[in-house]
């Protein structure tokens, strides 16, 4: 066990080359390996290191930044050099290296930016872990955005990567420093903030100045490579989100056996706002996924399942669980599971926890009035029915199923009626 703990603390030397060249026909892209000079407490000097390790501590890893070459394939112009975000983080940006970043720290940071690039109009926070969001939220301030994102799933957020889209201030830093996170990133840090965050010496504190220009990355594509176990490679364009405003949504309607089916109730402005927010968050979640959002905050996130009704149910379960935990934490100052254990040991009153359970059940885990978002169409109405039974008021899905009419019927049969829109595109992410 001691050897395993040592592995997690050790920065691996990598044997990847200093530069990498990829040739697409007669077009060449040149990449440079990134590393940072960081203080080594043992020797008291700066040492130059790349990634800590890969997905596991026995995997060498390296990160490369595009430094030369402009790729044009067909009518698609891919992202050009000079637009680096995570791949161009410098020593000055690595305000505190903490344990020194590994592959998962930076891919979490990257995917947080992938979500936040659609949420630039007001303060927003995204907490990522294992390349999926734990919580995402808008707020009137950075502090409120972080608090809402964190409280939507305090359990998953433990040890996560937090990214905010506005400079972090003192009030936000005080909230953040009370929790354990692996990474905190922002476009800037106001005076006194770094000192507060640095109370946790292992925290990676990263400045990403181009967060202020994230909106520019909405329409840029990059080359997405998937390596196979036989050494082969699948190459694809990165996706583009066609939904930018409420007018980009499509009416939920279809024709089956000569009969037209259309959702009875049009969305309200508030519902459109959550539809846009939810579909933006959906861009950074592994499929199959179903999520629930409410008032610009995630309520339940179901990820990476094989069946759609199952993931809809998992997201409901998570919503109830996280809601009860939040109630317990606000009331007693401890996580739900901690209180439950102490109650079993006779240290506190189990009746109080049962009241928390009853409240979570009555409030349906915060799902009443939420918006349900699916990254692909519902092949049967059973998936939508899961959300409708929990009191969702709106549904967003790509549309295109042969049984769209059944899902439309489910919305119209609900009491009160549920509104629904189509996106006209799915958001698979593997």
Foldseek 3Di string as FASTA:
>chain_A
DVVQVVLVLAQDDDDDDQKDWDDDDPWIWIKGWDWAFDADPVVRGTDIGAASAEPGSVHHDIAIATADTWDDDDNATADHHPPDFLSPFYNVQFVAQQSHHHHQQSLQVVLQLQLCLLVQPAKKKFWGDPQATQKIFGDNDVLRRVVQRCLLFVPVSAQTAMEILAADEDNNLQVVCVGHYQEYEYQHHDPPSCVSNCVNNNHGYGHGVCSNVSPVCQPHWHWDWDADPVRDIDIDIQDHQQDRALVLWAFLWDADPRDIFGADDDDDPQQRVQVSLVVSSLLRAAPQWKWKDHPGMTQFIFGDDDALLVSLVNRLVSLLQSLLQSVCCVVPVDGLVVVVVCVVVVNDPVVVSVVSSVVSVVCSSVLAQIEMEGQADHLALSNVVSSLVSHHQEYEHADDHSVSNRVSVSQVPGVVHHGYTHNVHGNHDD
